[in-house]
PDB file of N, CA and C in Angstrom:
ATOM      1  N   MET A   1     -13.507 212.939-102.505  1.00  0.00           N
ATOM      2  CA  MET A   1     -13.224 211.545-102.778  1.00  0.00           C
ATOM      3  C   MET A   1     -13.696 210.716-101.579  1.00  0.00           C
ATOM      4  N   SER A   2     -14.410 209.656-101.841  1.00  0.00           N
ATOM      5  CA  SER A   2     -14.926 208.822-100.756  1.00  0.00           C
ATOM      6  C   SER A   2     -13.808 207.986-100.138  1.00  0.00           C
ATOM      7  N   ASN A   3     -14.036 207.541 -98.920  1.00  0.00           N
ATOM      8  CA  ASN A   3     -13.053 206.686 -98.242  1.00  0.00           C
ATOM      9  C   ASN A   3     -12.781 205.417 -99.036  1.00  0.00           C
ATOM     10  N   GLU A   4     -13.828 204.868 -99.625  1.00  0.00           N
ATOM     11  CA  GLU A   4     -13.674 203.645-100.418  1.00  0.00           C
ATOM     12  C   GLU A   4     -12.762 203.901-101.623  1.00  0.00           C
ATOM     13  N   THR A   5     -12.946 205.023-102.286  1.00  0.00           N
ATOM     14  CA  THR A   5     -12.107 205.373-103.431  1.00  0.00           C
ATOM     15  C   THR A   5     -10.661 205.578-103.000  1.00  0.00           C
ATOM     16  N   ILE A   6     -10.466 206.247-101.876  1.00  0.00           N
ATOM     17  CA  ILE A   6      -9.117 206.475-101.353  1.00  0.00           C
ATOM     18  C   ILE A   6      -8.432 205.148-101.080  1.00  0.00           C
ATOM     19  N   ILE A   7      -9.124 204.247-100.398  1.00  0.00           N
ATOM     20  CA  ILE A   7      -8.548 202.943-100.067  1.00  0.00           C
ATOM     21  C   ILE A   7      -8.182 202.177-101.333  1.00  0.00           C
ATOM     22  N   LEU A   8      -9.076 202.179-102.309  1.00  0.00           N
ATOM     23  CA  LEU A   8      -8.803 201.456-103.557  1.00  0.00           C
ATOM     24  C   LEU A   8      -7.593 202.037-104.281  1.00  0.00           C
ATOM     25  N   LYS A   9      -7.479 203.353-104.317  1.00  0.00           N
ATOM     26  CA  LYS A   9      -6.339 203.985-104.982  1.00  0.00           C
ATOM     27  C   LYS A   9      -5.029 203.686-104.244  1.00  0.00           C
ATOM     28  N   VAL A  10      -5.069 203.690-102.923  1.00  0.00           N
ATOM     29  CA  VAL A  10      -3.873 203.366-102.147  1.00  0.00           C
ATOM     30  C   VAL A  10      -3.456 201.917-102.408  1.00  0.00           C
ATOM     31  N   ILE A  11      -4.407 201.004-102.402  1.00  0.00           N
ATOM     32  CA  ILE A  11      -4.106 199.591-102.663  1.00  0.00           C
ATOM     33  C   ILE A  11      -3.541 199.418-104.064  1.00  0.00           C
ATOM     34  N   GLU A  12      -4.148 200.069-105.049  1.00  0.00           N
ATOM     35  CA  GLU A  12      -3.636 200.002-106.417  1.00  0.00           C
ATOM     36  C   GLU A  12      -2.206 200.543-106.483  1.00  0.00           C
ATOM     37  N   GLY A  13      -1.967 201.654-105.787  1.00  0.00           N
ATOM     38  CA  GLY A  13      -0.641 202.246-105.767  1.00  0.00           C
ATOM     39  C   GLY A  13       0.383 201.316-105.156  1.00  0.00           C
ATOM     40  N   ILE A  14       0.024 200.697-104.046  1.00  0.00           N
ATOM     41  CA  ILE A  14       0.939 199.750-103.397  1.00  0.00           C
ATOM     42  C   ILE A  14       1.224 198.577-104.316  1.00  0.00           C
ATOM     43  N   ASN A  15       0.182 198.014-104.904  1.00  0.00           N
ATOM     44  CA  ASN A  15       0.346 196.834-105.759  1.00  0.00           C
ATOM     45  C   ASN A  15       1.198 197.109-106.989  1.00  0.00           C
ATOM     46  N   SER A  16       1.176 198.332-107.506  1.00  0.00           N
ATOM     47  CA  SER A  16       1.955 198.644-108.707  1.00  0.00           C
ATOM     48  C   SER A  16       3.306 199.286-108.383  1.00  0.00           C
ATOM     49  N   SER A  17       3.579 199.478-107.107  1.00  0.00           N
ATOM     50  CA  SER A  17       4.807 200.143-106.687  1.00  0.00           C
ATOM     51  C   SER A  17       6.010 199.203-106.724  1.00  0.00           C
ATOM     52  N   GLU A  18       7.156 199.780-107.064  1.00  0.00           N
ATOM     53  CA  GLU A  18       8.397 199.019-106.982  1.00  0.00           C
ATOM     54  C   GLU A  18       8.771 198.768-105.520  1.00  0.00           C
ATOM     55  N   GLU A  19       8.174 199.541-104.637  1.00  0.00           N
ATOM     56  CA  GLU A  19       8.433 199.422-103.200  1.00  0.00           C
ATOM     57  C   GLU A  19       7.333 198.646-102.480  1.00  0.00           C
ATOM     58  N   LYS A  20       6.660 197.774-103.202  1.00  0.00           N
ATOM     59  CA  LYS A  20       5.527 197.030-102.638  1.00  0.00           C
ATOM     60  C   LYS A  20       5.912 196.292-101.357  1.00  0.00           C
ATOM     61  N   LYS A  21       7.033 195.581-101.379  1.00  0.00           N
ATOM     62  CA  LYS A  21       7.447 194.813-100.200  1.00  0.00           C
ATOM     63  C   LYS A  21       7.704 195.732 -99.013  1.00  0.00           C
ATOM     64  N   LEU A  22       8.297 196.891 -99.268  1.00  0.00           N
ATOM     65  CA  LEU A  22       8.562 197.857 -98.208  1.00  0.00           C
ATOM     66  C   LEU A  22       7.254 198.397 -97.624  1.00  0.00           C
ATOM     67  N   CYS A  23       6.294 198.666 -98.494  1.00  0.00           N
ATOM     68  CA  CYS A  23       4.992 199.166 -98.039  1.00  0.00           C
ATOM     69  C   CYS A  23       4.276 198.137 -97.174  1.00  0.00           C
ATOM     70  N   ILE A  24       4.310 196.896 -97.613  1.00  0.00           N
ATOM     71  CA  ILE A  24       3.665 195.829 -96.844  1.00  0.00           C
ATOM     72  C   ILE A  24       4.361 195.657 -95.502  1.00  0.00           C
ATOM     73  N   LYS A  25       5.693 195.751 -95.499  1.00  0.00           N
ATOM     74  CA  LYS A  25       6.440 195.662 -94.246  1.00  0.00           C
ATOM     75  C   LYS A  25       6.017 196.795 -93.306  1.00  0.00           C
ATOM     76  N   TYR A  26       5.909 198.005 -93.835  1.00  0.00           N
ATOM     77  CA  TYR A  26       5.487 199.164 -93.043  1.00  0.00           C
ATOM     78  C   TYR A  26       4.097 198.940 -92.442  1.00  0.00           C
ATOM     79  N   ILE A  27       3.158 198.477 -93.258  1.00  0.00           N
ATOM     80  CA  ILE A  27       1.789 198.231 -92.787  1.00  0.00           C
ATOM     81  C   ILE A  27       1.798 197.166 -91.693  1.00  0.00           C
ATOM     82  N   ASN A  28       2.563 196.108 -91.888  1.00  0.00           N
ATOM     83  CA  ASN A  28       2.647 195.044 -90.879  1.00  0.00           C
ATOM     84  C   ASN A  28       3.252 195.551 -89.573  1.00  0.00           C
ATOM     85  N   GLU A  29       4.261 196.411 -89.662  1.00  0.00           N
ATOM     86  CA  GLU A  29       4.873 196.974 -88.452  1.00  0.00           C
ATOM     87  C   GLU A  29       3.881 197.835 -87.685  1.00  0.00           C
ATOM     88  N   VAL A  30       3.116 198.641 -88.409  1.00  0.00           N
ATOM     89  CA  VAL A  30       2.107 199.470 -87.750  1.00  0.00           C
ATOM     90  C   VAL A  30       1.032 198.586 -87.127  1.00  0.00           C
ATOM     91  N   ALA A  31       0.618 197.560 -87.838  1.00  0.00           N
ATOM     92  CA  ALA A  31      -0.400 196.646 -87.309  1.00  0.00           C
ATOM     93  C   ALA A  31       0.088 195.970 -86.034  1.00  0.00           C
ATOM     94  N   GLU A  32       1.346 195.573 -86.016  1.00  0.00           N
ATOM     95  CA  GLU A  32       1.922 194.931 -84.825  1.00  0.00           C
ATOM     96  C   GLU A  32       1.953 195.907 -83.643  1.00  0.00           C
ATOM     97  N   ARG A  33       2.372 197.152 -83.903  1.00  0.00           N
ATOM     98  CA  ARG A  33       2.370 198.160 -82.836  1.00  0.00           C
ATOM     99  C   ARG A  33       0.949 198.393 -82.324  1.00  0.00           C
ATOM    100  N   CYS A  34       0.008 198.475 -83.241  1.00  0.00           N
ATOM    101  CA  CYS A  34      -1.391 198.684 -82.844  1.00  0.00           C
ATOM    102  C   CYS A  34      -1.906 197.512 -82.014  1.00  0.00           C
ATOM    103  N   ASN A  35      -1.539 196.304 -82.395  1.00  0.00           N
ATOM    104  CA  ASN A  35      -1.938 195.123 -81.643  1.00  0.00           C
ATOM    105  C   ASN A  35      -1.413 195.190 -80.211  1.00  0.00           C
ATOM    106  N   LYS A  36      -0.138 195.547 -80.061  1.00  0.00           N
ATOM    107  CA  LYS A  36       0.456 195.653 -78.728  1.00  0.00           C
ATOM    108  C   LYS A  36      -0.232 196.751 -77.909  1.00  0.00           C
ATOM    109  N   LEU A  37      -0.521 197.865 -78.567  1.00  0.00           N
ATOM    110  CA  LEU A  37      -1.198 198.960 -77.865  1.00  0.00           C
ATOM    111  C   LEU A  37      -2.619 198.569 -77.458  1.00  0.00           C
ATOM    112  N   CYS A  38      -3.305 197.829 -78.317  1.00  0.00           N
ATOM    113  CA  CYS A  38      -4.657 197.354 -77.987  1.00  0.00           C
ATOM    114  C   CYS A  38      -4.634 196.487 -76.737  1.00  0.00           C
ATOM    115  N   LYS A  39      -3.650 195.607 -76.671  1.00  0.00           N
ATOM    116  CA  LYS A  39      -3.540 194.717 -75.519  1.00  0.00           C
ATOM    117  C   LYS A  39      -3.296 195.491 -74.237  1.00  0.00           C
ATOM    118  N   LYS A  40      -2.695 196.667 -74.358  1.00  0.00           N
ATOM    119  CA  LYS A  40      -2.454 197.520 -73.188  1.00  0.00           C
ATOM    120  C   LYS A  40      -3.646 198.444 -72.915  1.00  0.00           C
ATOM    121  N   GLY A  41      -4.650 198.395 -73.778  1.00  0.00           N
ATOM    122  CA  GLY A  41      -5.829 199.242 -73.597  1.00  0.00           C
ATOM    123  C   GLY A  41      -5.617 200.691 -74.030  1.00  0.00           C
ATOM    124  N   GLU A  42      -4.635 200.917 -74.877  1.00  0.00           N
ATOM    125  CA  GLU A  42      -4.310 202.277 -75.301  1.00  0.00           C
ATOM    126  C   GLU A  42      -4.947 202.591 -76.656  1.00  0.00           C
ATOM    127  N   SER A  43      -6.270 202.656 -76.655  1.00  0.00           N
ATOM    128  CA  SER A  43      -7.004 202.817 -77.904  1.00  0.00           C
ATOM    129  C   SER A  43      -6.738 204.155 -78.599  1.00  0.00           C
ATOM    130  N   LEU A  44      -6.504 205.211 -77.861  1.00  0.00           N
ATOM    131  CA  LEU A  44      -6.214 206.497 -78.499  1.00  0.00           C
ATOM    132  C   LEU A  44      -4.889 206.455 -79.252  1.00  0.00           C
ATOM    133  N   ARG A  45      -3.914 205.771 -78.700  1.00  0.00           N
ATOM    134  CA  ARG A  45      -2.632 205.628 -79.394  1.00  0.00           C
ATOM    135  C   ARG A  45      -2.772 204.736 -80.623  1.00  0.00           C
ATOM    136  N   VAL A  46      -3.633 203.732 -80.541  1.00  0.00           N
ATOM    137  CA  VAL A  46      -3.910 202.883 -81.705  1.00  0.00           C
ATOM    138  C   VAL A  46      -4.492 203.741 -82.816  1.00  0.00           C
ATOM    139  N   PHE A  47      -5.464 204.550 -82.464  1.00  0.00           N
ATOM    140  CA  PHE A  47      -6.113 205.429 -83.429  1.00  0.00           C
ATOM    141  C   PHE A  47      -5.088 206.376 -84.069  1.00  0.00           C
ATOM    142  N   ALA A  48      -4.190 206.933 -83.267  1.00  0.00           N
ATOM    143  CA  ALA A  48      -3.170 207.850 -83.763  1.00  0.00           C
ATOM    144  C   ALA A  48      -2.205 207.133 -84.714  1.00  0.00           C
ATOM    145  N   GLU A  49      -1.777 205.942 -84.340  1.00  0.00           N
ATOM    146  CA  GLU A  49      -0.868 205.158 -85.187  1.00  0.00           C
ATOM    147  C   GLU A  49      -1.524 204.841 -86.532  1.00  0.00           C
ATOM    148  N   TYR A  50      -2.771 204.386 -86.466  1.00  0.00           N
ATOM    149  CA  TYR A  50      -3.494 204.032 -87.683  1.00  0.00           C
ATOM    150  C   TYR A  50      -3.668 205.254 -88.583  1.00  0.00           C
ATOM    151  N   ASN A  51      -4.085 206.368 -87.989  1.00  0.00           N
ATOM    152  CA  ASN A  51      -4.281 207.581 -88.788  1.00  0.00           C
ATOM    153  C   ASN A  51      -2.986 208.061 -89.419  1.00  0.00           C
ATOM    154  N   ALA A  52      -1.900 207.985 -88.686  1.00  0.00           N
ATOM    155  CA  ALA A  52      -0.604 208.392 -89.230  1.00  0.00           C
ATOM    156  C   ALA A  52      -0.226 207.515 -90.425  1.00  0.00           C
ATOM    157  N   MET A  53      -0.481 206.212 -90.315  1.00  0.00           N
ATOM    158  CA  MET A  53      -0.185 205.307 -91.420  1.00  0.00           C
ATOM    159  C   MET A  53      -1.025 205.656 -92.647  1.00  0.00           C
ATOM    160  N   ILE A  54      -2.308 205.887 -92.437  1.00  0.00           N
ATOM    161  CA  ILE A  54      -3.195 206.216 -93.554  1.00  0.00           C
ATOM    162  C   ILE A  54      -2.744 207.503 -94.234  1.00  0.00           C
ATOM    163  N   GLU A  55      -2.401 208.515 -93.456  1.00  0.00           N
ATOM    164  CA  GLU A  55      -1.941 209.786 -94.030  1.00  0.00           C
ATOM    165  C   GLU A  55      -0.650 209.589 -94.824  1.00  0.00           C
ATOM    166  N   THR A  56       0.260 208.790 -94.302  1.00  0.00           N
ATOM    167  CA  THR A  56       1.514 208.509 -94.998  1.00  0.00           C
ATOM    168  C   THR A  56       1.242 207.824 -96.333  1.00  0.00           C
ATOM    169  N   LEU A  57       0.374 206.821 -96.316  1.00  0.00           N
ATOM    170  CA  LEU A  57       0.058 206.094 -97.544  1.00  0.00           C
ATOM    171  C   LEU A  57      -0.683 206.977 -98.544  1.00  0.00           C
ATOM    172  N   LYS A  58      -1.571 207.829 -98.050  1.00  0.00           N
ATOM    173  CA  LYS A  58      -2.291 208.743 -98.945  1.00  0.00           C
ATOM    174  C   LYS A  58      -1.322 209.710 -99.620  1.00  0.00           C
ATOM    175  N   LYS A  59      -0.382 210.252 -98.859  1.00  0.00           N
ATOM    176  CA  LYS A  59       0.599 211.182 -99.444  1.00  0.00           C
ATOM    177  C   LYS A  59       1.428 210.508-100.525  1.00  0.00           C
ATOM    178  N   LYS A  60       1.738 209.254-100.299  1.00  0.00           N
ATOM    179  CA  LYS A  60       2.596 208.535-101.237  1.00  0.00           C
ATOM    180  C   LYS A  60       1.848 208.097-102.494  1.00  0.00           C
ATOM    181  N   PHE A  61       0.582 207.714-102.357  1.00  0.00           N
ATOM    182  CA  PHE A  61      -0.105 207.070-103.477  1.00  0.00           C
ATOM    183  C   PHE A  61      -1.293 207.832-104.053  1.00  0.00           C
ATOM    184  N   LEU A  62      -1.620 208.979-103.532  1.00  0.00           N
ATOM    185  CA  LEU A  62      -2.725 209.743-104.122  1.00  0.00           C
ATOM    186  C   LEU A  62      -2.204 210.930-104.897  1.00  0.00           C
TER     187      LEU A  62
END
């Protein structure tokens, strides 16, 4: 499955989920943490946070 297909399926899953607001809150929290880490120059931790979020969303919606 291509990355584009994965992203589209995750987005579709979030949009049709009863937990949509919770998912969006989770994504925003991760984005905020990543933003703070970027400002500190901790790019490897940003990458780890982002990857963990993607894996979590894939498990839930694929």
